[in-house]
Amino acid sequence: EVYKTVGDTKLNIYIYEPEGHKAGDQRPGIVFFFGGGWSGGSPKQF
């Protein structure tokens, strides 16, 4: 999903769900941010 748009840049968030997960569940969540010196890198790191 796109969580933010800045100008022409669309920023994606990649979401992994537990088996059988559905909207309305109250699951704990976590958001990971990749490394790369604020210069490069990829969400694939996590």
All heavy atoms as atom14 arrays in JSON, in Angstrom:
{
  "sequence": "EVYKTVGDTKLNIYIYEPEGHKAGDQRPGIVFFFGGGWSGGSPKQF",
  "atom14_mask": [
    [1, 1, 1, 1, 1, 1, 1, 1, 1, 0, 0, 0, 0, 0],
    [1, 1, 1, 1, 1, 1, 1, 0, 0, 0, 0, 0, 0, 0],
    [1, 1, 1, 1, 1, 1, 1, 1, 1, 1, 1, 1, 0, 0],
    [1, 1, 1, 1, 1, 1, 1, 1, 1, 0, 0, 0, 0, 0],
    [1, 1, 1, 1, 1, 1, 1, 0, 0, 0, 0, 0, 0, 0],
    [1, 1, 1, 1, 1, 1, 1, 0, 0, 0, 0, 0, 0, 0],
    [1, 1, 1, 1, 0, 0, 0, 0, 0, 0, 0, 0, 0, 0],
    [1, 1, 1, 1, 1, 1, 1, 1, 0, 0, 0, 0, 0, 0],
    [1, 1, 1, 1, 1, 1, 1, 0, 0, 0, 0, 0, 0, 0],
    [1, 1, 1, 1, 1, 1, 1, 1, 1, 0, 0, 0, 0, 0],
    [1, 1, 1, 1, 1, 1, 1, 1, 0, 0, 0, 0, 0, 0],
    [1, 1, 1, 1, 1, 1, 1, 1, 0, 0, 0, 0, 0, 0],
    [1, 1, 1, 1, 1, 1, 1, 1, 0, 0, 0, 0, 0, 0],
    [1, 1, 1, 1, 1, 1, 1, 1, 1, 1, 1, 1, 0, 0],
    [1, 1, 1, 1, 1, 1, 1, 1, 0, 0, 0, 0, 0, 0],
    [1, 1, 1, 1, 1, 1, 1, 1, 1, 1, 1, 1, 0, 0],
    [1, 1, 1, 1, 1, 1, 1, 1, 1, 0, 0, 0, 0, 0],
    [1, 1, 1, 1, 1, 1, 1, 0, 0, 0, 0, 0, 0, 0],
    [1, 1, 1, 1, 1, 1, 1, 1, 1, 0, 0, 0, 0, 0],
    [1, 1, 1, 1, 0, 0, 0, 0, 0, 0, 0, 0, 0, 0],
    [1, 1, 1, 1, 1, 1, 1, 1, 1, 1, 0, 0, 0, 0],
    [1, 1, 1, 1, 1, 1, 1, 1, 1, 0, 0, 0, 0, 0],
    [1, 1, 1, 1, 1, 0, 0, 0, 0, 0, 0, 0, 0, 0],
    [1, 1, 1, 1, 0, 0, 0, 0, 0, 0, 0, 0, 0, 0],
    [1, 1, 1, 1, 1, 1, 1, 1, 0, 0, 0, 0, 0, 0],
    [1, 1, 1, 1, 1, 1, 1, 1, 1, 0, 0, 0, 0, 0],
    [1, 1, 1, 1, 1, 1, 1, 1, 1, 1, 1, 0, 0, 0],
    [1, 1, 1, 1, 1, 1, 1, 0, 0, 0, 0, 0, 0, 0],
    [1, 1, 1, 1, 0, 0, 0, 0, 0, 0, 0, 0, 0, 0],
    [1, 1, 1, 1, 1, 1, 1, 1, 0, 0, 0, 0, 0, 0],
    [1, 1, 1, 1, 1, 1, 1, 0, 0, 0, 0, 0, 0, 0],
    [1, 1, 1, 1, 1, 1, 1, 1, 1, 1, 1, 0, 0, 0],
    [1, 1, 1, 1, 1, 1, 1, 1, 1, 1, 1, 0, 0, 0],
    [1, 1, 1, 1, 1, 1, 1, 1, 1, 1, 1, 0, 0, 0],
    [1, 1, 1, 1, 0, 0, 0, 0, 0, 0, 0, 0, 0, 0],
    [1, 1, 1, 1, 0, 0, 0, 0, 0, 0, 0, 0, 0, 0],
    [1, 1, 1, 1, 0, 0, 0, 0, 0, 0, 0, 0, 0, 0],
    [1, 1, 1, 1, 1, 1, 1, 1, 1, 1, 1, 1, 1, 1],
    [1, 1, 1, 1, 1, 1, 0, 0, 0, 0, 0, 0, 0, 0],
    [1, 1, 1, 1, 0, 0, 0, 0, 0, 0, 0, 0, 0, 0],
    [1, 1, 1, 1, 0, 0, 0, 0, 0, 0, 0, 0, 0, 0],
    [1, 1, 1, 1, 1, 1, 0, 0, 0, 0, 0, 0, 0, 0],
    [1, 1, 1, 1, 1, 1, 1, 0, 0, 0, 0, 0, 0, 0],
    [1, 1, 1, 1, 1, 1, 1, 1, 1, 0, 0, 0, 0, 0],
    [1, 1, 1, 1, 1, 1, 1, 1, 1, 0, 0, 0, 0, 0],
    [1, 1, 1, 1, 1, 1, 1, 1, 1, 1, 1, 0, 0, 0]
  ],
  "atom14_positions": [
    [[0.84, -1.19, 0.0], [0.0, 0.0, 0.0], [0.88, 1.24, 0.0], [2.04, 1.19, 0.42], [-0.92, 0.02, 1.22], [-1.95, -1.11, 1.24], [-3.14, -0.8, 2.13], [-3.48, 0.41, 2.25], [-3.71, -1.74, 2.7], [0.0, 0.0, 0.0], [0.0, 0.0, 0.0], [0.0, 0.0, 0.0], [0.0, 0.0, 0.0], [0.0, 0.0, 0.0]],
    [[0.34, 2.35, -0.47], [1.04, 3.63, -0.42], [0.63, 4.33, 0.87], [-0.55, 4.58, 1.09], [0.69, 4.5, -1.64], [1.32, 5.89, -1.5], [1.15, 3.83, -2.93], [0.0, 0.0, 0.0], [0.0, 0.0, 0.0], [0.0, 0.0, 0.0], [0.0, 0.0, 0.0], [0.0, 0.0, 0.0], [0.0, 0.0, 0.0], [0.0, 0.0, 0.0]],
    [[1.6, 4.62, 1.71], [1.27, 5.28, 2.98], [1.44, 6.79, 2.91], [0.94, 7.53, 3.77], [2.08, 4.69, 4.14], [3.52, 5.12, 4.22], [3.91, 6.28, 4.89], [4.53, 4.33, 3.64], [5.24, 6.66, 4.98], [5.86, 4.71, 3.73], [6.21, 5.86, 4.39], [7.53, 6.23, 4.47], [0.0, 0.0, 0.0], [0.0, 0.0, 0.0]],
    [[2.17, 7.26, 1.87], [2.43, 8.69, 1.8], [2.82, 9.06, 0.37], [3.52, 8.3, -0.31], [3.57, 9.07, 2.75], [3.9, 10.55, 2.83], [5.0, 10.79, 3.85], [5.33, 12.27, 4.02], [6.37, 12.5, 5.04], [0.0, 0.0, 0.0], [0.0, 0.0, 0.0], [0.0, 0.0, 0.0], [0.0, 0.0, 0.0], [0.0, 0.0, 0.0]],
    [[2.35, 10.21, -0.07], [2.74, 10.75, -1.38], [3.33, 12.13, -1.18], [2.72, 13.0, -0.54], [1.52, 10.84, -2.32], [0.95, 9.53, -2.49], [1.93, 11.37, -3.69], [0.0, 0.0, 0.0], [0.0, 0.0, 0.0], [0.0, 0.0, 0.0], [0.0, 0.0, 0.0], [0.0, 0.0, 0.0], [0.0, 0.0, 0.0], [0.0, 0.0, 0.0]],
    [[4.54, 12.32, -1.71], [5.21, 13.61, -1.64], [5.55, 14.03, -3.06], [6.44, 13.45, -3.69], [6.5, 13.54, -0.79], [7.12, 14.94, -0.65], [6.22, 12.96, 0.59], [0.0, 0.0, 0.0], [0.0, 0.0, 0.0], [0.0, 0.0, 0.0], [0.0, 0.0, 0.0], [0.0, 0.0, 0.0], [0.0, 0.0, 0.0], [0.0, 0.0, 0.0]],
    [[4.82, 15.0, -3.6], [5.02, 15.36, -5.0], [4.68, 14.17, -5.89], [3.58, 13.62, -5.83], [0.0, 0.0, 0.0], [0.0, 0.0, 0.0], [0.0, 0.0, 0.0], [0.0, 0.0, 0.0], [0.0, 0.0, 0.0], [0.0, 0.0, 0.0], [0.0, 0.0, 0.0], [0.0, 0.0, 0.0], [0.0, 0.0, 0.0], [0.0, 0.0, 0.0]],
    [[5.65, 13.76, -6.69], [5.45, 12.6, -7.57], [5.91, 11.3, -6.93], [5.84, 10.24, -7.55], [6.22, 12.81, -8.88], [5.69, 13.97, -9.69], [4.48, 14.26, -9.59], [6.49, 14.61, -10.42], [0.0, 0.0, 0.0], [0.0, 0.0, 0.0], [0.0, 0.0, 0.0], [0.0, 0.0, 0.0], [0.0, 0.0, 0.0], [0.0, 0.0, 0.0]],
    [[6.39, 11.37, -5.7], [6.93, 10.19, -5.02], [5.87, 9.5, -4.18], [5.26, 10.11, -3.3], [8.11, 10.58, -4.11], [9.15, 11.15, -4.91], [8.65, 9.37, -3.37], [0.0, 0.0, 0.0], [0.0, 0.0, 0.0], [0.0, 0.0, 0.0], [0.0, 0.0, 0.0], [0.0, 0.0, 0.0], [0.0, 0.0, 0.0], [0.0, 0.0, 0.0]],
    [[5.65, 8.23, -4.48], [4.73, 7.41, -3.68], [5.57, 6.46, -2.83], [6.41, 5.73, -3.35], [3.79, 6.63, -4.59], [2.85, 7.51, -5.41], [1.9, 6.67, -6.24], [1.01, 7.55, -7.11], [0.17, 8.46, -6.3], [0.0, 0.0, 0.0], [0.0, 0.0, 0.0], [0.0, 0.0, 0.0], [0.0, 0.0, 0.0], [0.0, 0.0, 0.0]],
    [[5.33, 6.5, -1.52], [6.09, 5.67, -0.59], [5.27, 4.46, -0.18], [4.16, 4.6, 0.35], [6.48, 6.49, 0.64], [7.43, 7.67, 0.36], [7.63, 8.49, 1.63], [8.77, 7.18, -0.18], [0.0, 0.0, 0.0], [0.0, 0.0, 0.0], [0.0, 0.0, 0.0], [0.0, 0.0, 0.0], [0.0, 0.0, 0.0], [0.0, 0.0, 0.0]],
    [[5.81, 3.29, -0.44], [5.1, 2.04, -0.16], [5.38, 1.52, 1.24], [6.46, 1.74, 1.8], [5.52, 0.95, -1.16], [5.05, 1.22, -2.57], [4.08, 1.95, -2.77], [5.72, 0.63, -3.54], [0.0, 0.0, 0.0], [0.0, 0.0, 0.0], [0.0, 0.0, 0.0], [0.0, 0.0, 0.0], [0.0, 0.0, 0.0], [0.0, 0.0, 0.0]],
    [[4.41, 0.78, 1.75], [4.62, -0.01, 2.95], [4.23, -1.44, 2.61], [3.21, -1.68, 1.96], [3.82, 0.54, 4.15], [4.25, -0.17, 5.45], [2.32, 0.47, 3.94], [3.82, 0.56, 6.72], [0.0, 0.0, 0.0], [0.0, 0.0, 0.0], [0.0, 0.0, 0.0], [0.0, 0.0, 0.0], [0.0, 0.0, 0.0], [0.0, 0.0, 0.0]],
    [[5.1, -2.37, 2.97], [4.94, -3.79, 2.62], [4.45, -4.53, 3.85], [5.12, -4.53, 4.89], [6.27, -4.33, 2.12], [6.77, -3.6, 0.89], [7.47, -2.39, 1.0], [6.51, -4.08, -0.39], [7.9, -1.7, -0.13], [6.94, -3.39, -1.52], [7.62, -2.2, -1.38], [8.04, -1.51, -2.49], [0.0, 0.0, 0.0], [0.0, 0.0, 0.0]],
    [[3.28, -5.14, 3.74], [2.56, -5.67, 4.91], [2.48, -7.18, 4.87], [1.97, -7.77, 3.92], [1.14, -5.08, 4.96], [1.2, -3.54, 4.91], [0.4, -5.55, 6.21], [-0.15, -2.89, 4.62], [0.0, 0.0, 0.0], [0.0, 0.0, 0.0], [0.0, 0.0, 0.0], [0.0, 0.0, 0.0], [0.0, 0.0, 0.0], [0.0, 0.0, 0.0]],
    [[3.0, -7.82, 5.91], [2.91, -9.27, 6.07], [1.91, -9.56, 7.19], [2.05, -9.06, 8.31], [4.27, -9.86, 6.41], [5.24, -9.83, 5.25], [6.06, -8.72, 5.03], [5.32, -10.9, 4.36], [6.94, -8.68, 3.97], [6.22, -10.87, 3.29], [7.01, -9.77, 3.09], [7.88, -9.73, 2.03], [0.0, 0.0, 0.0], [0.0, 0.0, 0.0]],
    [[0.94, -10.38, 6.88], [-0.14, -10.68, 7.83], [-0.06, -12.12, 8.34], [0.35, -13.01, 7.61], [-1.5, -10.46, 7.16], [-1.74, -9.05, 6.68], [-3.06, -8.9, 5.94], [-3.56, -9.93, 5.41], [-3.59, -7.78, 5.89], [0.0, 0.0, 0.0], [0.0, 0.0, 0.0], [0.0, 0.0, 0.0], [0.0, 0.0, 0.0], [0.0, 0.0, 0.0]],
    [[-0.51, -12.34, 9.56], [-0.59, -13.7, 10.08], [-1.63, -14.5, 9.28], [-2.54, -13.93, 8.68], [-1.06, -13.51, 11.53], [-0.77, -12.08, 11.85], [-0.92, -11.33, 10.57], [0.0, 0.0, 0.0], [0.0, 0.0, 0.0], [0.0, 0.0, 0.0], [0.0, 0.0, 0.0], [0.0, 0.0, 0.0], [0.0, 0.0, 0.0], [0.0, 0.0, 0.0]],
    [[-1.49, -15.78, 9.29], [-2.45, -16.65, 8.61], [-3.85, -16.44, 9.2], [-4.02, -16.39, 10.43], [-2.04, -18.12, 8.76], [-2.89, -19.09, 7.98], [-2.39, -20.51, 8.06], [-1.3, -20.72, 8.64], [-3.08, -21.41, 7.55], [0.0, 0.0, 0.0], [0.0, 0.0, 0.0], [0.0, 0.0, 0.0], [0.0, 0.0, 0.0], [0.0, 0.0, 0.0]],
    [[-4.84, -16.28, 8.33], [-6.21, -16.1, 8.78], [-6.53, -14.7, 9.27], [-7.62, -14.45, 9.8], [0.0, 0.0, 0.0], [0.0, 0.0, 0.0], [0.0, 0.0, 0.0], [0.0, 0.0, 0.0], [0.0, 0.0, 0.0], [0.0, 0.0, 0.0], [0.0, 0.0, 0.0], [0.0, 0.0, 0.0], [0.0, 0.0, 0.0], [0.0, 0.0, 0.0]],
    [[-5.61, -13.77, 9.07], [-5.81, -12.41, 9.55], [-6.93, -11.71, 8.79], [-7.13, -11.95, 7.6], [-4.51, -11.61, 9.39], [-4.57, -10.24, 9.95], [-4.69, -9.99, 11.29], [-4.52, -9.01, 9.35], [-4.7, -8.69, 11.5], [-4.61, -8.07, 10.34], [0.0, 0.0, 0.0], [0.0, 0.0, 0.0], [0.0, 0.0, 0.0], [0.0, 0.0, 0.0]],
    [[-7.63, -10.83, 9.49], [-8.72, -10.08, 8.84], [-8.85, -8.7, 9.45], [-8.36, -8.43, 10.57], [-10.03, -10.84, 8.97], [-10.49, -11.08, 10.4], [-11.76, -11.94, 10.43], [-12.26, -12.15, 11.86], [-11.26, -12.85, 12.7], [0.0, 0.0, 0.0], [0.0, 0.0, 0.0], [0.0, 0.0, 0.0], [0.0, 0.0, 0.0], [0.0, 0.0, 0.0]],
    [[-9.48, -7.81, 8.71], [-9.74, -6.46, 9.2], [-10.54, -6.54, 10.49], [-11.43, -7.38, 10.64], [-10.49, -5.65, 8.15], [0.0, 0.0, 0.0], [0.0, 0.0, 0.0], [0.0, 0.0, 0.0], [0.0, 0.0, 0.0], [0.0, 0.0, 0.0], [0.0, 0.0, 0.0], [0.0, 0.0, 0.0], [0.0, 0.0, 0.0], [0.0, 0.0, 0.0]],
    [[-10.24, -5.67, 11.41], [-10.94, -5.67, 12.68], [-10.24, -6.47, 13.76], [-10.57, -6.35, 14.95], [0.0, 0.0, 0.0], [0.0, 0.0, 0.0], [0.0, 0.0, 0.0], [0.0, 0.0, 0.0], [0.0, 0.0, 0.0], [0.0, 0.0, 0.0], [0.0, 0.0, 0.0], [0.0, 0.0, 0.0], [0.0, 0.0, 0.0], [0.0, 0.0, 0.0]],
    [[-9.27, -7.31, 13.38], [-8.48, -8.01, 14.4], [-7.67, -6.98, 15.2], [-7.42, -5.87, 14.74], [-7.51, -9.0, 13.75], [-8.21, -10.25, 13.23], [-9.41, -10.41, 13.52], [-7.56, -11.05, 12.53], [0.0, 0.0, 0.0], [0.0, 0.0, 0.0], [0.0, 0.0, 0.0], [0.0, 0.0, 0.0], [0.0, 0.0, 0.0], [0.0, 0.0, 0.0]],
    [[-7.28, -7.38, 16.37], [-6.49, -6.48, 17.22], [-5.09, -7.08, 17.42], [-4.66, -7.37, 18.53], [-7.18, -6.28, 18.57], [-8.43, -5.41, 18.5], [-8.08, -3.93, 18.49], [-7.48, -3.4, 19.41], [-8.48, -3.23, 17.43], [0.0, 0.0, 0.0], [0.0, 0.0, 0.0], [0.0, 0.0, 0.0], [0.0, 0.0, 0.0], [0.0, 0.0, 0.0]],
    [[-4.39, -7.25, 16.32], [-3.06, -7.83, 16.37], [-2.01, -6.77, 16.7], [-2.14, -5.61, 16.3], [-2.7, -8.42, 15.01], [-3.66, -9.46, 14.47], [-3.29, -10.84, 14.92], [-4.05, -11.84, 14.16], [-3.83, -13.14, 14.23], [-2.88, -13.61, 15.01], [-4.55, -13.99, 13.51], [0.0, 0.0, 0.0], [0.0, 0.0, 0.0], [0.0, 0.0, 0.0]],
    [[-0.96, -7.15, 17.4], [0.16, -6.22, 17.56], [0.82, -6.02, 16.2], [0.77, -6.89, 15.33], [1.08, -6.95, 18.54], [0.74, -8.39, 18.37], [-0.73, -8.44, 18.08], [0.0, 0.0, 0.0], [0.0, 0.0, 0.0], [0.0, 0.0, 0.0], [0.0, 0.0, 0.0], [0.0, 0.0, 0.0], [0.0, 0.0, 0.0], [0.0, 0.0, 0.0]],
    [[1.44, -4.86, 16.0], [2.09, -4.56, 14.74], [3.5, -4.03, 14.94], [3.87, -3.6, 16.04], [0.0, 0.0, 0.0], [0.0, 0.0, 0.0], [0.0, 0.0, 0.0], [0.0, 0.0, 0.0], [0.0, 0.0, 0.0], [0.0, 0.0, 0.0], [0.0, 0.0, 0.0], [0.0, 0.0, 0.0], [0.0, 0.0, 0.0], [0.0, 0.0, 0.0]],
    [[4.28, -4.08, 13.87], [5.62, -3.5, 13.9], [5.94, -2.96, 12.51], [5.55, -3.54, 11.5], [6.67, -4.54, 14.34], [8.05, -3.87, 14.52], [6.75, -5.73, 13.38], [9.07, -4.75, 15.25], [0.0, 0.0, 0.0], [0.0, 0.0, 0.0], [0.0, 0.0, 0.0], [0.0, 0.0, 0.0], [0.0, 0.0, 0.0], [0.0, 0.0, 0.0]],
    [[6.63, -1.81, 12.47], [7.07, -1.21, 11.21], [8.58, -1.13, 11.23], [9.17, -0.54, 12.14], [6.49, 0.21, 11.03], [6.94, 0.8, 9.69], [4.96, 0.19, 11.11], [0.0, 0.0, 0.0], [0.0, 0.0, 0.0], [0.0, 0.0, 0.0], [0.0, 0.0, 0.0], [0.0, 0.0, 0.0], [0.0, 0.0, 0.0], [0.0, 0.0, 0.0]],
    [[9.23, -1.74, 10.23], [10.68, -1.73, 10.12], [11.15, -0.7, 9.11], [10.52, -0.49, 8.07], [11.2, -3.11, 9.68], [11.17, -4.16, 10.75], [10.2, -5.14, 10.75], [12.14, -4.19, 11.75], [10.16, -6.13, 11.71], [12.11, -5.17, 12.73], [11.13, -6.14, 12.72], [0.0, 0.0, 0.0], [0.0, 0.0, 0.0], [0.0, 0.0, 0.0]],
    [[12.3, -0.08, 9.41], [12.93, 0.89, 8.52], [14.34, 0.4, 8.17], [15.12, 0.09, 9.06], [12.99, 2.26, 9.18], [11.64, 2.79, 9.58], [11.19, 2.69, 10.9], [10.79, 3.34, 8.64], [9.94, 3.15, 11.27], [9.52, 3.8, 9.0], [9.09, 3.71, 10.32], [0.0, 0.0, 0.0], [0.0, 0.0, 0.0], [0.0, 0.0, 0.0]],
    [[14.65, 0.35, 6.89], [15.92, -0.19, 6.41], [17.09, 0.75, 6.67], [16.92, 1.96, 6.87], [15.84, -0.5, 4.91], [15.49, 0.69, 4.05], [16.48, 1.56, 3.59], [14.17, 0.94, 3.69], [16.16, 2.66, 2.8], [13.84, 2.03, 2.88], [14.84, 2.89, 2.44], [0.0, 0.0, 0.0], [0.0, 0.0, 0.0], [0.0, 0.0, 0.0]],
    [[18.29, 0.2, 6.63], [19.5, 0.98, 6.76], [20.06, 1.37, 5.41], [19.62, 0.89, 4.37], [0.0, 0.0, 0.0], [0.0, 0.0, 0.0], [0.0, 0.0, 0.0], [0.0, 0.0, 0.0], [0.0, 0.0, 0.0], [0.0, 0.0, 0.0], [0.0, 0.0, 0.0], [0.0, 0.0, 0.0], [0.0, 0.0, 0.0], [0.0, 0.0, 0.0]],
    [[21.08, 2.23, 5.43], [21.69, 2.69, 4.19], [22.18, 4.12, 4.27], [22.33, 4.79, 3.27], [0.0, 0.0, 0.0], [0.0, 0.0, 0.0], [0.0, 0.0, 0.0], [0.0, 0.0, 0.0], [0.0, 0.0, 0.0], [0.0, 0.0, 0.0], [0.0, 0.0, 0.0], [0.0, 0.0, 0.0], [0.0, 0.0, 0.0], [0.0, 0.0, 0.0]],
    [[22.4, 4.6, 5.49], [23.0, 5.92, 5.67], [22.13, 7.08, 5.24], [22.65, 8.12, 4.86], [0.0, 0.0, 0.0], [0.0, 0.0, 0.0], [0.0, 0.0, 0.0], [0.0, 0.0, 0.0], [0.0, 0.0, 0.0], [0.0, 0.0, 0.0], [0.0, 0.0, 0.0], [0.0, 0.0, 0.0], [0.0, 0.0, 0.0], [0.0, 0.0, 0.0]],
    [[20.81, 6.9, 5.26], [19.86, 7.92, 4.78], [20.11, 8.23, 3.31], [19.66, 9.24, 2.78], [19.96, 9.22, 5.6], [19.93, 9.04, 7.07], [18.86, 8.74, 7.85], [21.04, 9.17, 7.97], [19.23, 8.67, 9.17], [20.57, 8.93, 9.27], [22.39, 9.47, 7.79], [21.39, 8.97, 10.4], [23.22, 9.5, 8.91], [22.71, 9.25, 10.2]],
    [[20.87, 7.35, 2.65], [21.3, 7.6, 1.28], [20.78, 6.56, 0.3], [20.49, 6.86, -0.85], [22.83, 7.64, 1.23], [23.29, 7.91, -0.08], [0.0, 0.0, 0.0], [0.0, 0.0, 0.0], [0.0, 0.0, 0.0], [0.0, 0.0, 0.0], [0.0, 0.0, 0.0], [0.0, 0.0, 0.0], [0.0, 0.0, 0.0], [0.0, 0.0, 0.0]],
    [[20.67, 5.3, 0.74], [20.18, 4.22, -0.11], [19.54, 3.15, 0.75], [19.12, 3.41, 1.87], [0.0, 0.0, 0.0], [0.0, 0.0, 0.0], [0.0, 0.0, 0.0], [0.0, 0.0, 0.0], [0.0, 0.0, 0.0], [0.0, 0.0, 0.0], [0.0, 0.0, 0.0], [0.0, 0.0, 0.0], [0.0, 0.0, 0.0], [0.0, 0.0, 0.0]],
    [[19.49, 1.94, 0.22], [18.92, 0.84, 0.97], [17.56, 0.41, 0.44], [17.02, 1.01, -0.48], [0.0, 0.0, 0.0], [0.0, 0.0, 0.0], [0.0, 0.0, 0.0], [0.0, 0.0, 0.0], [0.0, 0.0, 0.0], [0.0, 0.0, 0.0], [0.0, 0.0, 0.0], [0.0, 0.0, 0.0], [0.0, 0.0, 0.0], [0.0, 0.0, 0.0]],
    [[17.03, -0.66, 1.04], [15.78, -1.24, 0.55], [14.98, -1.86, 1.68], [15.55, -2.46, 2.6], [16.1, -2.33, -0.48], [14.94, -3.09, -0.79], [0.0, 0.0, 0.0], [0.0, 0.0, 0.0], [0.0, 0.0, 0.0], [0.0, 0.0, 0.0], [0.0, 0.0, 0.0], [0.0, 0.0, 0.0], [0.0, 0.0, 0.0], [0.0, 0.0, 0.0]],
    [[13.63, -1.78, 1.61], [12.79, -2.46, 2.6], [13.01, -3.96, 2.65], [12.64, -4.61, 3.63], [11.36, -2.13, 2.11], [11.5, -0.84, 1.38], [12.83, -0.94, 0.69], [0.0, 0.0, 0.0], [0.0, 0.0, 0.0], [0.0, 0.0, 0.0], [0.0, 0.0, 0.0], [0.0, 0.0, 0.0], [0.0, 0.0, 0.0], [0.0, 0.0, 0.0]],
    [[13.64, -4.53, 1.62], [13.9, -5.97, 1.62], [14.82, -6.38, 2.76], [14.88, -7.56, 3.12], [14.52, -6.41, 0.29], [13.52, -6.54, -0.83], [14.12, -7.17, -2.07], [14.38, -8.66, -1.9], [13.13, -9.46, -1.83], [0.0, 0.0, 0.0], [0.0, 0.0, 0.0], [0.0, 0.0, 0.0], [0.0, 0.0, 0.0], [0.0, 0.0, 0.0]],
    [[15.55, -5.44, 3.33], [16.45, -5.79, 4.43], [15.71, -6.52, 5.55], [16.28, -7.42, 6.18], [17.12, -4.52, 4.99], [18.08, -4.82, 6.14], [18.7, -3.58, 6.73], [18.25, -2.45, 6.49], [19.76, -3.75, 7.5], [0.0, 0.0, 0.0], [0.0, 0.0, 0.0], [0.0, 0.0, 0.0], [0.0, 0.0, 0.0], [0.0, 0.0, 0.0]],
    [[14.47, -6.14, 5.81], [13.73, -6.75, 6.93], [12.62, -7.7, 6.46], [11.69, -7.99, 7.21], [13.18, -5.65, 7.84], [14.26, -5.03, 8.69], [14.87, -3.85, 8.31], [14.69, -5.66, 9.85], [15.88, -3.29, 9.07], [15.7, -5.12, 10.62], [16.31, -3.93, 10.23], [0.0, 0.0, 0.0], [0.0, 0.0, 0.0], [0.0, 0.0, 0.0]]
  ]
}
